Amino acid sequence: MIDIKEIMGILPHRYPFLFVDRIIELEEGKRIVGIKNVTINEPFFQGHFPGEPVMPGVLIVEAMGQTAGVLAYRTMGKEAEGKGVYLMSINRVKFRRPVVPGDQLRLELDVLKHRGLIWAFKGKAFVEDQVVAEAELMATISDREAE
C-alpha cells in the first residue's frame, strides 16, 4: 500500500488538486488500484452543483490520470526521478452515474502499452461494485516545467 505521504512524494499535485488518497494495489508495469474519498468539503462542490453536489467528470478522469502517474513513476524508478507525468490524450471516456459526497472512488488502471517514456492505460472508476466512469489515457514522462 502507498499512503498519501508517498503519493505526494511522487506527484506534484497538492490540495485542492490532488485526487488520489492512497494506493491499495500496484503491480509495476501492469496495474494499479487507487482510492479517492469524496467528501462534501471538496471546493468544487460549492459550484457543481449548489443543492445537488456532483463530482465533475473531468475530475474523475484527472483522478485516473494521477493514479496512472503513480504507476508509471514507480515502474520507471530512478529514470523518472525529478520528472513529471503529463497527460497527452484522453479517449473513449464514458460516465455511467454521478459521484456524490460520501462515495469512495476505486480507480483501476491497466497498462495497455509502454514504449520508452510513453504510456497508454485503460481505466475504470468504481463506487462499490458499480462502474461510474471509464477512459483510455495516454501520458508521457518528461522534465517538469520550471517551478
Protein backbone atom coordinates (compact mmCIF):
# COMPACT_ATOMS: atom_id res chain seq x y z
CA MET A 1 0.00 0.00 0.00
CA ILE A 2 1.16 3.54 -0.75
CA ASP A 3 -0.06 6.25 1.60
CA ILE A 4 -0.69 9.93 0.91
CA LYS A 5 2.79 10.99 2.03
CA GLU A 6 4.43 8.75 -0.56
CA ILE A 7 1.93 9.80 -3.23
CA MET A 8 2.85 13.44 -2.54
CA GLY A 9 6.50 12.48 -2.96
CA ILE A 10 5.69 11.18 -6.45
CA LEU A 11 3.04 13.59 -7.76
CA PRO A 12 3.49 17.37 -7.81
CA HIS A 13 -0.25 17.92 -7.17
CA ARG A 14 -1.43 19.40 -3.88
CA TYR A 15 -4.73 20.39 -2.32
CA PRO A 16 -7.16 21.20 -3.80
CA PHE A 17 -5.98 19.34 -6.91
CA LEU A 18 -4.68 16.03 -5.53
CA PHE A 19 -7.32 13.39 -6.30
CA VAL A 20 -5.83 10.12 -5.07
CA ASP A 21 -5.65 9.39 -1.33
CA ARG A 22 -3.93 6.00 -1.33
CA ILE A 23 -2.85 3.11 -3.50
CA ILE A 24 -4.11 -0.30 -2.43
CA GLU A 25 -2.63 -2.42 -5.25
CA LEU A 26 0.34 -1.91 -7.53
CA GLU A 27 1.90 -4.36 -9.97
CA GLU A 28 4.75 -2.44 -11.58
CA GLY A 29 4.40 -2.15 -15.34
CA LYS A 30 0.92 -3.68 -15.34
CA ARG A 31 -1.79 -2.47 -12.96
CA ILE A 32 -2.69 -0.10 -10.13
CA VAL A 33 -5.70 0.47 -7.88
CA GLY A 34 -6.11 3.80 -6.11
CA ILE A 35 -8.68 5.26 -3.73
CA LYS A 36 -10.22 8.74 -3.68
CA ASN A 37 -12.53 9.54 -0.78
CA VAL A 38 -15.13 12.05 -1.97
CA THR A 39 -16.23 14.47 0.76
CA ILE A 40 -18.57 17.44 0.86
CA ASN A 41 -15.54 19.58 1.80
CA GLU A 42 -14.20 19.42 -1.78
CA PRO A 43 -14.09 23.01 -3.08
CA PHE A 44 -15.69 22.13 -6.44
CA PHE A 45 -18.95 21.16 -4.73
CA GLN A 46 -19.63 24.85 -3.94
CA GLY A 47 -20.49 25.43 -7.59
CA HIS A 48 -21.11 21.93 -9.01
CA PHE A 49 -23.97 21.99 -8.17
CA PRO A 50 -25.41 24.04 -5.27
CA GLY A 51 -28.04 21.92 -3.56
CA GLU A 52 -27.15 18.84 -5.64
CA PRO A 53 -23.38 18.20 -5.35
CA VAL A 54 -21.89 16.08 -8.15
CA MET A 55 -18.17 15.46 -8.71
CA PRO A 56 -17.23 16.84 -12.15
CA GLY A 57 -16.50 14.06 -14.63
CA VAL A 58 -13.25 15.71 -15.72
CA LEU A 59 -12.00 15.43 -12.13
CA ILE A 60 -12.80 11.72 -12.08
CA VAL A 61 -10.66 11.38 -15.22
CA GLU A 62 -7.96 13.52 -13.56
CA ALA A 63 -8.02 11.12 -10.58
CA MET A 64 -7.46 8.24 -13.03
CA GLY A 65 -4.57 10.16 -14.60
CA GLN A 66 -2.93 10.84 -11.25
CA THR A 67 -3.25 7.19 -10.27
CA ALA A 68 -1.74 6.14 -13.60
CA GLY A 69 1.08 8.62 -12.98
CA VAL A 70 1.98 6.84 -9.73
CA LEU A 71 2.17 3.53 -11.62
CA ALA A 72 4.38 4.94 -14.39
CA TYR A 73 6.66 6.72 -11.92
CA ARG A 74 7.07 3.69 -9.65
CA THR A 75 7.68 1.37 -12.62
CA MET A 76 10.37 3.59 -14.12
CA GLY A 77 12.19 4.08 -10.80
CA LYS A 78 15.36 6.18 -10.99
CA GLU A 79 14.73 7.01 -14.65
CA ALA A 80 11.66 9.03 -13.57
CA GLU A 81 13.23 10.88 -10.63
CA GLY A 82 12.85 14.65 -10.96
CA LYS A 83 10.44 14.24 -13.88
CA GLY A 84 6.69 14.64 -14.16
CA VAL A 85 3.92 12.60 -15.70
CA TYR A 86 1.82 14.56 -18.21
CA LEU A 87 -1.42 13.54 -19.91
CA MET A 88 -1.19 13.50 -23.70
CA SER A 89 -4.64 12.28 -24.67
CA ILE A 90 -7.93 11.04 -23.23
CA ASN A 91 -10.14 8.79 -25.34
CA ARG A 92 -13.28 6.68 -25.11
CA VAL A 93 -14.50 8.46 -21.97
CA LYS A 94 -17.86 7.35 -20.62
CA PHE A 95 -19.66 8.45 -17.49
CA ARG A 96 -22.13 5.93 -16.09
CA ARG A 97 -23.54 7.59 -12.97
CA PRO A 98 -22.93 10.66 -10.77
CA VAL A 99 -20.33 10.58 -7.99
CA VAL A 100 -21.53 12.38 -4.86
CA PRO A 101 -20.17 13.26 -1.41
CA GLY A 102 -19.73 10.14 0.70
CA ASP A 103 -18.73 7.97 -2.25
CA GLN A 104 -15.36 6.27 -2.36
CA LEU A 105 -13.87 6.08 -5.84
CA ARG A 106 -11.81 3.00 -6.63
CA LEU A 107 -9.59 3.83 -9.59
CA GLU A 108 -8.39 0.77 -11.51
CA LEU A 109 -5.90 1.23 -14.34
CA ASP A 110 -4.20 -1.32 -16.55
CA VAL A 111 -1.25 -0.62 -18.82
CA LEU A 112 -2.18 -1.06 -22.48
CA LYS A 113 1.26 -0.12 -23.85
CA HIS A 114 4.56 1.24 -22.61
CA ARG A 115 7.28 2.33 -25.00
CA GLY A 116 10.13 4.46 -23.73
CA LEU A 117 8.61 7.46 -21.96
CA ILE A 118 5.10 6.98 -23.44
CA TRP A 119 2.38 5.11 -21.55
CA ALA A 120 -1.16 4.06 -22.51
CA PHE A 121 -3.70 3.00 -19.88
CA LYS A 122 -7.26 1.74 -19.71
CA GLY A 123 -9.02 2.97 -16.60
CA LYS A 124 -12.26 2.42 -14.77
CA ALA A 125 -13.63 4.24 -11.75
CA PHE A 126 -15.95 2.36 -9.42
CA VAL A 127 -18.18 3.25 -6.48
CA GLU A 128 -18.65 -0.01 -4.63
CA ASP A 129 -19.02 -2.52 -7.49
CA GLN A 130 -20.62 -0.13 -9.98
CA VAL A 131 -18.60 1.41 -12.82
CA VAL A 132 -19.10 5.17 -12.70
CA ALA A 133 -16.61 6.19 -15.41
CA GLU A 134 -14.10 4.72 -17.85
CA ALA A 135 -11.45 6.12 -20.16
CA GLU A 136 -8.29 5.41 -22.10
CA LEU A 137 -5.40 7.69 -21.20
CA MET A 138 -2.04 8.37 -22.80
CA ALA A 139 0.78 10.01 -20.84
CA THR A 140 4.46 10.82 -21.06
CA ILE A 141 7.24 11.17 -18.53
CA SER A 142 9.28 14.33 -19.09
CA ASP A 143 11.18 17.06 -17.30
CA ARG A 144 8.99 19.14 -15.04
CA GLU A 145 8.29 22.69 -16.12
CA ALA A 146 10.17 25.34 -14.17
CA GLU A 147 8.56 25.71 -10.76
